[in-house]
Protein backbone atom coordinates (compact mmCIF):
# COMPACT_ATOMS: atom_id res chain seq x y z
CA UNK A 1 -113.10 -17.51 88.19
CA UNK A 2 -111.62 -17.42 92.20
CA UNK A 3 -110.70 -21.40 90.73
CA UNK A 4 -109.72 -20.63 87.71
CA UNK A 5 -107.10 -17.57 89.50
CA UNK A 6 -106.12 -20.00 92.50
CA UNK A 7 -105.43 -22.98 89.75
CA UNK A 8 -102.89 -21.36 87.26
CA UNK A 9 -101.09 -20.04 90.70
CA UNK A 10 -100.58 -23.53 91.65
CA UNK A 11 -99.52 -24.44 88.51
CA UNK A 12 -97.19 -20.80 88.16
CA UNK A 13 -96.46 -22.54 91.73
CA UNK A 14 -96.41 -25.90 90.46
CA UNK A 15 -93.57 -25.02 88.08
CA UNK A 16 -91.34 -22.91 89.72
CA UNK A 17 -90.65 -25.97 92.56
CA UNK A 18 -89.37 -28.30 89.08
CA UNK A 19 -87.32 -25.69 87.81
CA UNK A 20 -85.43 -24.87 90.88
CA UNK A 21 -85.32 -28.26 91.34
CA UNK A 22 -83.86 -29.69 88.56
CA UNK A 23 -81.33 -26.36 88.92
CA UNK A 24 -80.39 -27.25 92.13
CA UNK A 25 -79.81 -31.53 90.77
CA UNK A 26 -77.73 -29.47 87.96
CA UNK A 27 -75.03 -27.62 90.48
CA UNK A 28 -74.97 -30.63 92.47
CA UNK A 29 -73.91 -32.53 89.16
CA UNK A 30 -71.32 -29.81 88.44
CA UNK A 31 -69.56 -29.92 92.23
CA UNK A 32 -69.76 -33.24 91.73
CA UNK A 33 -68.05 -33.48 88.39
CA UNK A 34 -65.51 -30.33 89.74
CA UNK A 35 -64.31 -32.40 93.25
CA UNK A 36 -63.80 -35.06 91.41
CA UNK A 37 -61.36 -33.22 88.43
CA UNK A 38 -59.68 -32.58 91.41
CA UNK A 39 -59.75 -35.75 93.58
CA UNK A 40 -58.03 -37.18 90.61
CA UNK A 41 -55.65 -34.48 89.72
CA UNK A 42 -53.98 -33.98 93.16
CA UNK A 43 -52.62 -37.79 93.34
CA UNK A 44 -51.52 -36.84 89.36
CA UNK A 45 -49.93 -33.66 90.31
CA UNK A 46 -48.07 -35.33 93.95
CA UNK A 47 -46.21 -38.04 91.10
CA UNK A 48 -45.61 -35.37 89.78
CA UNK A 49 -43.36 -33.41 91.94
CA UNK A 50 -41.85 -37.09 93.86
CA UNK A 51 -40.92 -37.86 90.16
CA UNK A 52 -39.06 -34.01 89.00
CA UNK A 53 -37.44 -34.46 93.09
CA UNK A 54 -36.93 -38.12 91.90
CA UNK A 55 -35.72 -36.62 88.82
CA UNK A 56 -33.19 -33.98 90.08
CA UNK A 57 -31.48 -35.07 92.77
CA UNK A 58 -30.04 -38.64 90.45
CA UNK A 59 -28.60 -36.08 88.16
CA UNK A 60 -26.48 -33.81 90.14
CA UNK A 61 -25.52 -37.37 92.03
CA UNK A 62 -24.11 -38.00 88.28
CA UNK A 63 -23.02 -34.09 88.26
CA UNK A 64 -21.17 -34.77 91.34
CA UNK A 65 -20.03 -38.28 90.71
CA UNK A 66 -18.38 -37.64 87.19
CA UNK A 67 -17.02 -34.22 89.16
CA UNK A 68 -14.51 -36.11 91.89
CA UNK A 69 -14.10 -38.89 88.65
CA UNK A 70 -12.10 -35.95 86.43
CA UNK A 71 -10.68 -34.30 88.92
CA UNK A 72 -9.51 -37.70 90.96
CA UNK A 73 -8.23 -38.27 87.29
CA UNK A 74 -6.75 -34.95 87.38
CA UNK A 75 -4.62 -34.95 89.92
CA UNK A 76 -1.44 -36.48 90.38
CA UNK A 77 -0.70 -39.33 91.52
CA UNK A 78 1.40 -40.15 94.25
């Protein structure tokens, strides 16, 4: 009987170790996936900010140019 008890404890111990290893691997995969997504999103975010900044600067320059043209056209000629 003593051997049966020791044997079943070993089986349960092995089972718990296997389940723990699977849980650790699943956690590692999720962590790796989050890092991969983060690494992919960062350059896209940077490009979006740069595109918005360039668009705003271009629009500002266009407005300044149009304003200057209107001012010049409306100014009395000497």
